[in-house]
């Protein structure tokens, strides 16, 4: 499916563009925005590589990854969202997202998760979607729960970041649960 365009009341998901490198770097280069992510802040060059890989994955057939810009309407990206088909589960995917710190605290995270779930269940007809968060990321916990996901457990020693192993808290939602959770 290409190109992806999904809209809700305040936000939209769209395909990344070559000119989005600085917007991706504003998120992935920020120590504050990446504090709870599974990697350390990225350089602008690394963000350019991420955008290039995202553009290539958008053209792949079959498409297995959806790396998308999160925008306020037609404006520049305020974040980055990703849905990747899970090769270990039937009709399943994992999702993740990161927003610029100036877009925090106003429900954009929850709306972004809803957009990703809409893509997964309505466009891709998936059965299950899961996400993981850092144990100390309470804001992400509230976001995933508000979007209708259920906490499923902890993966111990799941991510190696900042010189050590970190656990992940896992959330999931099934297609039939998402339908009943739509705002």
N, C-alpha and C. Protein backbone atom coordinates (compact mmCIF):
# COMPACT_ATOMS: atom_id res chain seq x y z
N UNK A 1 0.85 -1.18 0.00
CA UNK A 1 0.00 0.00 0.00
C UNK A 1 0.89 1.23 0.00
N UNK A 2 0.76 2.03 -1.02
CA UNK A 2 1.57 3.24 -1.14
C UNK A 2 0.81 4.22 -2.00
N UNK A 3 0.75 5.46 -1.73
CA UNK A 3 1.26 6.09 -0.50
C UNK A 3 0.23 6.03 0.63
N UNK A 4 0.75 6.06 1.85
CA UNK A 4 -0.11 6.09 3.03
C UNK A 4 -0.45 7.53 3.36
N UNK A 5 -1.73 7.78 3.52
CA UNK A 5 -2.21 9.06 4.06
C UNK A 5 -3.37 8.70 4.98
N UNK A 6 -3.23 9.01 6.24
CA UNK A 6 -4.27 8.75 7.25
C UNK A 6 -4.47 10.01 8.04
N UNK A 7 -5.72 10.40 8.26
CA UNK A 7 -6.02 11.62 9.00
C UNK A 7 -6.99 11.34 10.14
N UNK A 8 -6.83 12.12 11.19
CA UNK A 8 -7.79 12.17 12.30
C UNK A 8 -8.05 13.64 12.56
N UNK A 9 -8.59 13.97 13.72
CA UNK A 9 -9.04 15.34 13.96
C UNK A 9 -7.91 16.38 13.89
N UNK A 10 -6.76 16.09 14.48
CA UNK A 10 -5.69 17.09 14.51
C UNK A 10 -4.43 16.67 13.78
N UNK A 11 -4.25 15.37 13.62
CA UNK A 11 -2.99 14.86 13.07
C UNK A 11 -3.22 14.04 11.82
N UNK A 12 -2.12 13.86 11.10
CA UNK A 12 -2.12 12.99 9.92
C UNK A 12 -0.84 12.18 9.89
N UNK A 13 -0.91 11.03 9.25
CA UNK A 13 0.26 10.25 8.91
C UNK A 13 0.43 10.35 7.41
N UNK A 14 1.66 10.53 6.99
CA UNK A 14 1.96 10.52 5.55
C UNK A 14 3.34 9.92 5.34
N UNK A 15 3.59 9.57 4.10
CA UNK A 15 4.91 9.05 3.75
C UNK A 15 5.98 10.11 4.04
N UNK A 16 7.15 9.66 4.44
CA UNK A 16 8.28 10.57 4.59
C UNK A 16 8.71 11.07 3.22
N UNK A 17 9.30 12.25 3.22
CA UNK A 17 9.82 12.87 2.00
C UNK A 17 11.30 13.18 2.23
N UNK A 18 12.07 13.30 1.17
CA UNK A 18 13.49 13.63 1.35
C UNK A 18 13.72 14.90 2.16
N UNK A 19 12.82 15.85 2.06
CA UNK A 19 12.98 17.12 2.79
C UNK A 19 12.61 17.01 4.28
N UNK A 20 12.25 15.83 4.75
CA UNK A 20 11.87 15.64 6.16
C UNK A 20 13.06 15.31 7.06
N UNK A 21 14.25 15.29 6.53
CA UNK A 21 15.42 14.90 7.33
C UNK A 21 15.55 15.78 8.58
N UNK A 22 15.43 17.09 8.45
CA UNK A 22 15.57 17.96 9.61
C UNK A 22 14.46 17.73 10.64
N UNK A 23 13.26 17.44 10.17
CA UNK A 23 12.15 17.17 11.09
C UNK A 23 12.38 15.86 11.84
N UNK A 24 12.89 14.84 11.17
CA UNK A 24 13.21 13.58 11.83
C UNK A 24 14.34 13.81 12.83
N UNK A 25 15.32 14.61 12.44
CA UNK A 25 16.44 14.90 13.34
C UNK A 25 15.97 15.70 14.56
N UNK A 26 14.96 16.54 14.41
CA UNK A 26 14.42 17.28 15.56
C UNK A 26 13.86 16.34 16.62
N UNK A 27 13.44 15.16 16.21
CA UNK A 27 12.94 14.14 17.15
C UNK A 27 14.09 13.22 17.55
N UNK A 28 14.66 12.53 16.58
CA UNK A 28 15.66 11.49 16.86
C UNK A 28 17.02 12.05 17.28
N UNK A 29 17.23 13.33 17.09
CA UNK A 29 18.48 13.95 17.54
C UNK A 29 18.35 14.57 18.92
N UNK A 30 17.15 14.60 19.46
CA UNK A 30 16.88 15.25 20.74
C UNK A 30 17.13 14.29 21.91
N UNK A 31 18.04 14.66 22.83
CA UNK A 31 18.23 13.81 24.01
C UNK A 31 16.94 13.65 24.83
N UNK A 32 16.14 14.69 24.89
CA UNK A 32 14.88 14.61 25.64
C UNK A 32 13.90 13.64 24.97
N UNK A 33 13.76 13.75 23.64
CA UNK A 33 12.80 12.90 22.91
C UNK A 33 13.24 11.45 22.86
N UNK A 34 14.53 11.17 22.94
CA UNK A 34 15.03 9.80 22.85
C UNK A 34 15.37 9.19 24.21
N UNK A 35 15.11 9.90 25.27
CA UNK A 35 15.47 9.45 26.62
C UNK A 35 14.98 8.03 26.90
N UNK A 36 13.77 7.69 26.48
CA UNK A 36 13.21 6.37 26.76
C UNK A 36 13.19 5.44 25.54
N UNK A 37 13.78 5.88 24.44
CA UNK A 37 13.77 5.04 23.24
C UNK A 37 14.89 4.01 23.31
N UNK A 38 14.92 3.11 22.35
CA UNK A 38 15.87 2.00 22.37
C UNK A 38 17.21 2.36 21.72
N UNK A 39 17.45 3.65 21.53
CA UNK A 39 18.71 4.11 20.94
C UNK A 39 19.04 5.49 21.50
N UNK A 40 20.29 5.88 21.34
CA UNK A 40 20.74 7.20 21.76
C UNK A 40 20.46 8.20 20.65
N UNK A 41 20.54 9.51 20.95
CA UNK A 41 20.24 10.50 19.91
C UNK A 41 21.05 10.26 18.63
N UNK A 42 20.40 10.48 17.52
CA UNK A 42 20.99 10.27 16.20
C UNK A 42 21.55 11.58 15.65
N UNK A 43 22.57 11.45 14.81
CA UNK A 43 23.11 12.61 14.10
C UNK A 43 22.20 12.93 12.91
N UNK A 44 22.40 14.10 12.33
CA UNK A 44 21.62 14.46 11.14
C UNK A 44 21.89 13.46 10.02
N UNK A 45 23.13 13.03 9.88
CA UNK A 45 23.47 12.06 8.83
C UNK A 45 22.74 10.73 9.08
N UNK A 46 22.68 10.28 10.31
CA UNK A 46 21.94 9.05 10.62
C UNK A 46 20.45 9.23 10.31
N UNK A 47 19.92 10.41 10.58
CA UNK A 47 18.50 10.67 10.26
C UNK A 47 18.28 10.69 8.75
N UNK A 48 19.24 11.20 8.00
CA UNK A 48 19.14 11.16 6.54
C UNK A 48 19.11 9.71 6.06
N UNK A 49 19.90 8.85 6.69
CA UNK A 49 19.89 7.43 6.34
C UNK A 49 18.54 6.80 6.68
N UNK A 50 17.96 7.18 7.83
CA UNK A 50 16.65 6.65 8.22
C UNK A 50 15.60 7.04 7.19
N UNK A 51 15.62 8.29 6.76
CA UNK A 51 14.65 8.75 5.75
C UNK A 51 14.87 7.99 4.45
N UNK A 52 16.12 7.81 4.03
CA UNK A 52 16.40 7.09 2.79
C UNK A 52 15.90 5.64 2.87
N UNK A 53 16.16 4.97 4.00
CA UNK A 53 15.67 3.59 4.17
C UNK A 53 14.14 3.55 4.19
N UNK A 54 13.53 4.56 4.78
CA UNK A 54 12.07 4.62 4.84
C UNK A 54 11.48 4.79 3.45
N UNK A 55 12.11 5.62 2.63
CA UNK A 55 11.64 5.80 1.26
C UNK A 55 11.78 4.50 0.48
N UNK A 56 12.88 3.78 0.68
CA UNK A 56 13.08 2.50 0.00
C UNK A 56 12.06 1.47 0.47
N UNK A 57 11.78 1.43 1.77
CA UNK A 57 10.82 0.44 2.27
C UNK A 57 9.41 0.74 1.78
N UNK A 58 9.12 2.01 1.53
CA UNK A 58 7.79 2.38 1.02
C UNK A 58 7.57 1.85 -0.40
N UNK A 59 8.65 1.68 -1.13
CA UNK A 59 8.54 1.20 -2.50
C UNK A 59 8.68 -0.31 -2.62
N UNK A 60 8.97 -0.98 -1.52
CA UNK A 60 9.18 -2.44 -1.56
C UNK A 60 7.87 -3.17 -1.80
N UNK A 61 8.00 -4.30 -2.46
CA UNK A 61 6.83 -5.16 -2.69
C UNK A 61 7.23 -6.59 -2.36
N UNK A 62 6.65 -7.20 -1.38
CA UNK A 62 5.60 -6.64 -0.53
C UNK A 62 6.19 -5.68 0.49
N UNK A 63 5.37 -4.74 0.90
CA UNK A 63 5.80 -3.76 1.88
C UNK A 63 5.69 -4.36 3.28
N UNK A 64 6.76 -4.24 4.05
CA UNK A 64 6.79 -4.81 5.40
C UNK A 64 6.95 -3.76 6.48
N UNK A 65 7.27 -2.53 6.07
CA UNK A 65 7.47 -1.46 7.05
C UNK A 65 6.83 -0.17 6.55
N UNK A 66 6.20 0.52 7.49
CA UNK A 66 5.58 1.81 7.22
C UNK A 66 6.21 2.81 8.18
N UNK A 67 7.19 3.55 7.69
CA UNK A 67 7.85 4.59 8.48
C UNK A 67 7.29 5.92 7.98
N UNK A 68 6.57 6.61 8.84
CA UNK A 68 5.72 7.72 8.40
C UNK A 68 5.95 8.99 9.21
N UNK A 69 5.69 10.11 8.57
CA UNK A 69 5.73 11.40 9.25
C UNK A 69 4.41 11.62 9.96
N UNK A 70 4.48 12.18 11.17
CA UNK A 70 3.30 12.61 11.91
C UNK A 70 3.22 14.12 11.74
N UNK A 71 2.10 14.60 11.20
CA UNK A 71 1.98 16.03 10.94
C UNK A 71 0.70 16.59 11.56
N UNK A 72 0.72 17.89 11.79
CA UNK A 72 -0.51 18.60 12.16
C UNK A 72 -1.10 19.08 10.84
N UNK A 73 -2.07 18.36 10.35
CA UNK A 73 -2.65 18.71 9.05
C UNK A 73 -1.61 18.62 7.95
N UNK A 74 -1.48 19.69 7.19
CA UNK A 74 -0.53 19.71 6.08
C UNK A 74 0.83 20.29 6.50
N UNK A 75 1.00 20.58 7.77
CA UNK A 75 2.23 21.20 8.25
C UNK A 75 3.41 20.25 8.24
N UNK A 76 4.56 20.76 8.69
CA UNK A 76 5.76 19.94 8.75
C UNK A 76 5.63 18.87 9.83
N UNK A 77 6.41 17.82 9.73
CA UNK A 77 6.32 16.74 10.72
C UNK A 77 6.63 17.21 12.15
N UNK A 78 5.83 16.69 13.08
CA UNK A 78 6.08 16.91 14.51
C UNK A 78 6.54 15.60 15.15
N UNK A 79 6.60 14.55 14.34
CA UNK A 79 7.01 13.27 14.87
C UNK A 79 7.20 12.24 13.79
N UNK A 80 7.51 11.05 14.25
CA UNK A 80 7.83 9.93 13.39
C UNK A 80 7.09 8.72 13.94
N UNK A 81 6.43 7.96 13.07
CA UNK A 81 5.68 6.78 13.48
C UNK A 81 6.08 5.61 12.60
N UNK A 82 6.04 4.42 13.19
CA UNK A 82 6.48 3.24 12.44
C UNK A 82 5.57 2.06 12.76
N UNK A 83 5.21 1.34 11.72
CA UNK A 83 4.50 0.07 11.82
C UNK A 83 5.31 -0.93 11.02
N UNK A 84 5.71 -2.03 11.66
CA UNK A 84 6.48 -3.06 10.97
C UNK A 84 5.77 -4.39 11.12
N UNK A 85 5.53 -5.06 10.01
CA UNK A 85 4.92 -6.37 10.07
C UNK A 85 5.83 -7.30 10.86
N UNK A 86 5.25 -8.12 11.69
CA UNK A 86 5.99 -9.02 12.56
C UNK A 86 6.14 -10.37 11.87
N UNK A 87 7.36 -10.76 11.50
CA UNK A 87 7.55 -12.02 10.79
C UNK A 87 7.31 -13.25 11.66
N UNK A 88 7.19 -13.05 12.98
CA UNK A 88 7.02 -14.16 13.90
C UNK A 88 5.57 -14.42 14.28
N UNK A 89 4.65 -13.59 13.77
CA UNK A 89 3.24 -13.74 14.09
C UNK A 89 2.42 -13.57 12.82
N UNK A 90 1.33 -14.27 12.73
CA UNK A 90 0.46 -14.14 11.56
C UNK A 90 -0.36 -12.86 11.67
N UNK A 91 -0.40 -12.09 10.57
CA UNK A 91 -1.21 -10.88 10.47
C UNK A 91 -1.03 -9.97 11.69
N UNK A 92 0.23 -9.73 12.04
CA UNK A 92 0.54 -8.92 13.21
C UNK A 92 1.63 -7.91 12.87
N UNK A 93 1.70 -6.87 13.68
CA UNK A 93 2.73 -5.84 13.49
C UNK A 93 3.08 -5.24 14.84
N UNK A 94 4.24 -4.61 14.86
CA UNK A 94 4.66 -3.82 16.01
C UNK A 94 4.63 -2.35 15.60
N UNK A 95 4.31 -1.48 16.55
CA UNK A 95 4.28 -0.05 16.27
C UNK A 95 5.17 0.69 17.25
N UNK A 96 5.58 1.87 16.82
CA UNK A 96 6.33 2.77 17.68
C UNK A 96 6.18 4.17 17.17
N UNK A 97 6.46 5.14 18.02
CA UNK A 97 6.36 6.54 17.60
C UNK A 97 7.21 7.39 18.51
N UNK A 98 7.56 8.56 18.02
CA UNK A 98 8.27 9.56 18.82
C UNK A 98 7.86 10.93 18.30
N UNK A 99 7.62 11.83 19.23
CA UNK A 99 7.20 13.20 18.89
C UNK A 99 8.22 14.20 19.41
N UNK A 100 8.28 15.35 18.77
CA UNK A 100 9.10 16.44 19.30
C UNK A 100 8.58 16.81 20.68
N UNK A 101 9.45 17.16 21.60
CA UNK A 101 8.99 17.53 22.95
C UNK A 101 7.94 18.64 22.97
N UNK A 102 7.99 19.57 22.02
CA UNK A 102 6.99 20.65 22.02
C UNK A 102 5.61 20.17 21.59
N UNK A 103 5.49 18.90 21.18
CA UNK A 103 4.19 18.32 20.82
C UNK A 103 3.68 17.38 21.91
N UNK A 104 4.35 17.33 23.04
CA UNK A 104 3.95 16.45 24.14
C UNK A 104 2.86 17.08 24.98
N UNK A 105 2.11 16.22 25.65
CA UNK A 105 1.17 16.66 26.67
C UNK A 105 -0.17 17.17 26.19
N UNK A 106 -0.47 17.01 24.90
CA UNK A 106 -1.74 17.51 24.37
C UNK A 106 -2.53 16.42 23.63
N UNK A 107 -2.17 15.16 23.86
CA UNK A 107 -2.90 14.05 23.24
C UNK A 107 -2.41 13.63 21.88
N UNK A 108 -1.32 14.22 21.39
CA UNK A 108 -0.82 13.83 20.06
C UNK A 108 -0.30 12.39 20.04
N UNK A 109 0.25 11.92 21.16
CA UNK A 109 0.71 10.54 21.20
C UNK A 109 -0.43 9.56 21.03
N UNK A 110 -1.51 9.79 21.77
CA UNK A 110 -2.67 8.91 21.68
C UNK A 110 -3.27 8.95 20.27
N UNK A 111 -3.35 10.13 19.71
CA UNK A 111 -3.90 10.24 18.34
C UNK A 111 -2.99 9.54 17.34
N UNK A 112 -1.68 9.62 17.53
CA UNK A 112 -0.74 8.93 16.65
C UNK A 112 -0.93 7.42 16.74
N UNK A 113 -1.09 6.89 17.95
CA UNK A 113 -1.32 5.45 18.10
C UNK A 113 -2.63 5.06 17.42
N UNK A 114 -3.67 5.86 17.58
CA UNK A 114 -4.94 5.57 16.89
C UNK A 114 -4.74 5.54 15.38
N UNK A 115 -3.97 6.47 14.85
CA UNK A 115 -3.72 6.49 13.41
C UNK A 115 -2.99 5.22 12.96
N UNK A 116 -2.01 4.79 13.74
CA UNK A 116 -1.28 3.57 13.41
C UNK A 116 -2.20 2.35 13.49
N UNK A 117 -3.06 2.32 14.49
CA UNK A 117 -4.00 1.20 14.61
C UNK A 117 -5.03 1.22 13.49
N UNK A 118 -5.47 2.40 13.07
CA UNK A 118 -6.37 2.50 11.92
C UNK A 118 -5.69 1.92 10.68
N UNK A 119 -4.44 2.28 10.46
CA UNK A 119 -3.68 1.75 9.33
C UNK A 119 -3.60 0.23 9.43
N UNK A 120 -3.26 -0.27 10.60
CA UNK A 120 -3.08 -1.71 10.79
C UNK A 120 -4.37 -2.48 10.56
N UNK A 121 -5.44 -2.04 11.16
CA UNK A 121 -6.67 -2.84 11.16
C UNK A 121 -7.58 -2.53 9.97
N UNK A 122 -7.66 -1.28 9.57
CA UNK A 122 -8.57 -0.93 8.48
C UNK A 122 -7.92 -1.09 7.11
N UNK A 123 -6.68 -0.65 6.97
CA UNK A 123 -6.03 -0.70 5.66
C UNK A 123 -5.32 -2.02 5.40
N UNK A 124 -4.65 -2.56 6.43
CA UNK A 124 -3.84 -3.76 6.25
C UNK A 124 -4.54 -5.04 6.73
N UNK A 125 -5.70 -4.90 7.34
CA UNK A 125 -6.49 -6.04 7.82
C UNK A 125 -5.67 -6.98 8.70
N UNK A 126 -4.91 -6.39 9.62
CA UNK A 126 -4.14 -7.19 10.55
C UNK A 126 -5.02 -7.68 11.69
N UNK A 127 -4.55 -8.67 12.40
CA UNK A 127 -5.29 -9.25 13.53
C UNK A 127 -4.81 -8.69 14.87
N UNK A 128 -3.50 -8.44 14.99
CA UNK A 128 -2.92 -8.03 16.27
C UNK A 128 -1.82 -7.01 16.06
N UNK A 129 -1.75 -6.05 16.97
CA UNK A 129 -0.68 -5.05 16.98
C UNK A 129 -0.11 -5.00 18.39
N UNK A 130 1.21 -4.90 18.48
CA UNK A 130 1.84 -4.76 19.78
C UNK A 130 2.83 -3.61 19.78
N UNK A 131 3.14 -3.14 20.97
CA UNK A 131 4.10 -2.05 21.16
C UNK A 131 4.86 -2.32 22.45
N UNK A 132 6.02 -1.72 22.58
CA UNK A 132 6.81 -1.86 23.80
C UNK A 132 7.27 -0.48 24.24
N UNK A 133 7.41 -0.33 25.55
CA UNK A 133 7.89 0.94 26.10
C UNK A 133 8.94 0.67 27.17
N UNK A 134 9.73 1.69 27.47
CA UNK A 134 10.68 1.61 28.57
C UNK A 134 9.92 1.63 29.89
N UNK A 135 10.37 0.88 30.88
CA UNK A 135 9.66 0.84 32.16
C UNK A 135 9.47 2.21 32.83
N UNK A 136 10.37 3.13 32.62
CA UNK A 136 10.26 4.45 33.25
C UNK A 136 9.45 5.44 32.43
N UNK A 137 8.97 5.05 31.26
CA UNK A 137 8.23 5.97 30.40
C UNK A 137 6.73 5.91 30.74
N UNK A 138 6.38 6.59 31.82
CA UNK A 138 4.98 6.60 32.27
C UNK A 138 4.05 7.28 31.27
N UNK A 139 4.54 8.30 30.57
CA UNK A 139 3.71 8.98 29.59
C UNK A 139 3.31 8.02 28.46
N UNK A 140 4.24 7.18 28.04
CA UNK A 140 3.94 6.21 27.00
C UNK A 140 2.92 5.18 27.50
N UNK A 141 3.03 4.80 28.77
CA UNK A 141 2.05 3.86 29.34
C UNK A 141 0.65 4.46 29.25
N UNK A 142 0.51 5.71 29.67
CA UNK A 142 -0.80 6.37 29.62
C UNK A 142 -1.30 6.47 28.17
N UNK A 143 -0.40 6.77 27.25
CA UNK A 143 -0.76 6.91 25.84
C UNK A 143 -1.28 5.59 25.26
N UNK A 144 -0.55 4.52 25.47
CA UNK A 144 -0.94 3.23 24.90
C UNK A 144 -2.25 2.73 25.50
N UNK A 145 -2.42 2.92 26.79
CA UNK A 145 -3.69 2.53 27.43
C UNK A 145 -4.85 3.38 26.92
N UNK A 146 -4.63 4.69 26.79
CA UNK A 146 -5.69 5.59 26.30
C UNK A 146 -6.10 5.24 24.88
N UNK A 147 -5.17 4.67 24.09
CA UNK A 147 -5.48 4.28 22.71
C UNK A 147 -6.15 2.92 22.64
N UNK A 148 -6.39 2.29 23.79
CA UNK A 148 -7.11 1.02 23.80
C UNK A 148 -6.24 -0.22 23.85
N UNK A 149 -4.95 -0.05 24.04
CA UNK A 149 -4.07 -1.21 24.14
C UNK A 149 -4.08 -1.75 25.58
N UNK A 150 -3.69 -2.99 25.73
CA UNK A 150 -3.67 -3.67 27.02
C UNK A 150 -2.24 -4.03 27.38
N UNK A 151 -1.84 -3.74 28.61
CA UNK A 151 -0.52 -4.16 29.06
C UNK A 151 -0.50 -5.68 29.16
N UNK A 152 0.50 -6.30 28.51
CA UNK A 152 0.57 -7.76 28.44
C UNK A 152 1.71 -8.35 29.24
N UNK A 153 2.70 -7.54 29.59
CA UNK A 153 3.80 -8.11 30.36
C UNK A 153 5.11 -7.40 30.15
N UNK A 154 6.16 -8.02 30.64
CA UNK A 154 7.51 -7.46 30.63
C UNK A 154 8.45 -8.43 29.92
N UNK A 155 9.27 -7.89 29.03
CA UNK A 155 10.35 -8.65 28.42
C UNK A 155 11.62 -8.22 29.15
N UNK A 156 12.22 -9.13 29.88
CA UNK A 156 13.41 -8.80 30.66
C UNK A 156 14.64 -8.72 29.76
N UNK A 157 15.50 -7.72 30.03
CA UNK A 157 16.74 -7.58 29.28
C UNK A 157 16.53 -7.50 27.79
N UNK A 158 15.53 -6.77 27.36
CA UNK A 158 15.08 -6.75 25.96
C UNK A 158 15.92 -5.85 25.06
N UNK A 159 16.39 -4.71 25.59
CA UNK A 159 17.05 -3.71 24.76
C UNK A 159 18.39 -3.33 25.38
N UNK A 160 19.44 -3.31 24.57
CA UNK A 160 20.74 -2.84 25.05
C UNK A 160 20.90 -1.39 24.61
N UNK A 161 20.91 -0.48 25.57
CA UNK A 161 21.01 0.94 25.26
C UNK A 161 21.73 1.65 26.41
N UNK A 162 22.49 2.66 26.05
CA UNK A 162 23.23 3.47 27.03
C UNK A 162 24.09 2.62 27.95
N UNK A 163 24.71 1.60 27.38
CA UNK A 163 25.67 0.79 28.11
C UNK A 163 25.09 -0.33 28.97
N UNK A 164 23.80 -0.57 28.89
CA UNK A 164 23.22 -1.63 29.71
C UNK A 164 21.95 -2.20 29.11
N UNK A 165 21.50 -3.30 29.68
CA UNK A 165 20.28 -3.95 29.23
C UNK A 165 19.09 -3.36 29.96
N UNK A 166 18.02 -3.16 29.20
CA UNK A 166 16.80 -2.58 29.75
C UNK A 166 15.62 -3.48 29.43
N UNK A 167 14.70 -3.58 30.36
CA UNK A 167 13.46 -4.31 30.12
C UNK A 167 12.54 -3.49 29.21
N UNK A 168 11.52 -4.14 28.69
CA UNK A 168 10.46 -3.46 27.96
C UNK A 168 9.12 -3.94 28.50
N UNK A 169 8.17 -3.03 28.58
CA UNK A 169 6.80 -3.35 28.94
C UNK A 169 6.01 -3.44 27.64
N UNK A 170 5.31 -4.55 27.45
CA UNK A 170 4.66 -4.84 26.17
C UNK A 170 3.14 -4.62 26.28
N UNK A 171 2.58 -4.06 25.22
CA UNK A 171 1.13 -3.80 25.10
C UNK A 171 0.66 -4.43 23.80
N UNK A 172 -0.61 -4.82 23.78
CA UNK A 172 -1.18 -5.38 22.57
C UNK A 172 -2.64 -5.01 22.43
N UNK A 173 -3.13 -5.13 21.20
CA UNK A 173 -4.54 -4.91 20.92
C UNK A 173 -4.92 -5.78 19.72
N UNK A 174 -6.10 -6.37 19.79
CA UNK A 174 -6.63 -7.17 18.69
C UNK A 174 -7.59 -6.33 17.87
N UNK A 175 -7.79 -6.72 16.64
CA UNK A 175 -8.66 -5.96 15.74
C UNK A 175 -10.03 -5.72 16.35
N UNK A 176 -10.64 -6.76 16.92
CA UNK A 176 -12.00 -6.59 17.46
C UNK A 176 -12.01 -5.67 18.68
N UNK A 177 -10.94 -5.57 19.42
CA UNK A 177 -10.85 -4.65 20.54
C UNK A 177 -10.72 -3.21 20.06
N UNK A 178 -9.99 -3.03 18.99
CA UNK A 178 -9.80 -1.68 18.44
C UNK A 178 -11.11 -1.10 17.96
N UNK A 179 -11.91 -1.89 17.31
CA UNK A 179 -13.20 -1.41 16.82
C UNK A 179 -14.04 -0.87 17.96
N UNK A 180 -14.03 -1.56 19.09
CA UNK A 180 -14.85 -1.12 20.21
C UNK A 180 -14.23 0.06 20.96
N UNK A 181 -12.95 0.35 20.71
CA UNK A 181 -12.28 1.43 21.43
C UNK A 181 -12.23 2.73 20.63
N UNK A 182 -12.76 2.75 19.43
CA UNK A 182 -12.69 3.96 18.60
C UNK A 182 -13.40 5.12 19.28
N UNK A 183 -12.73 6.28 19.34
CA UNK A 183 -13.37 7.46 19.94
C UNK A 183 -14.44 8.06 19.05
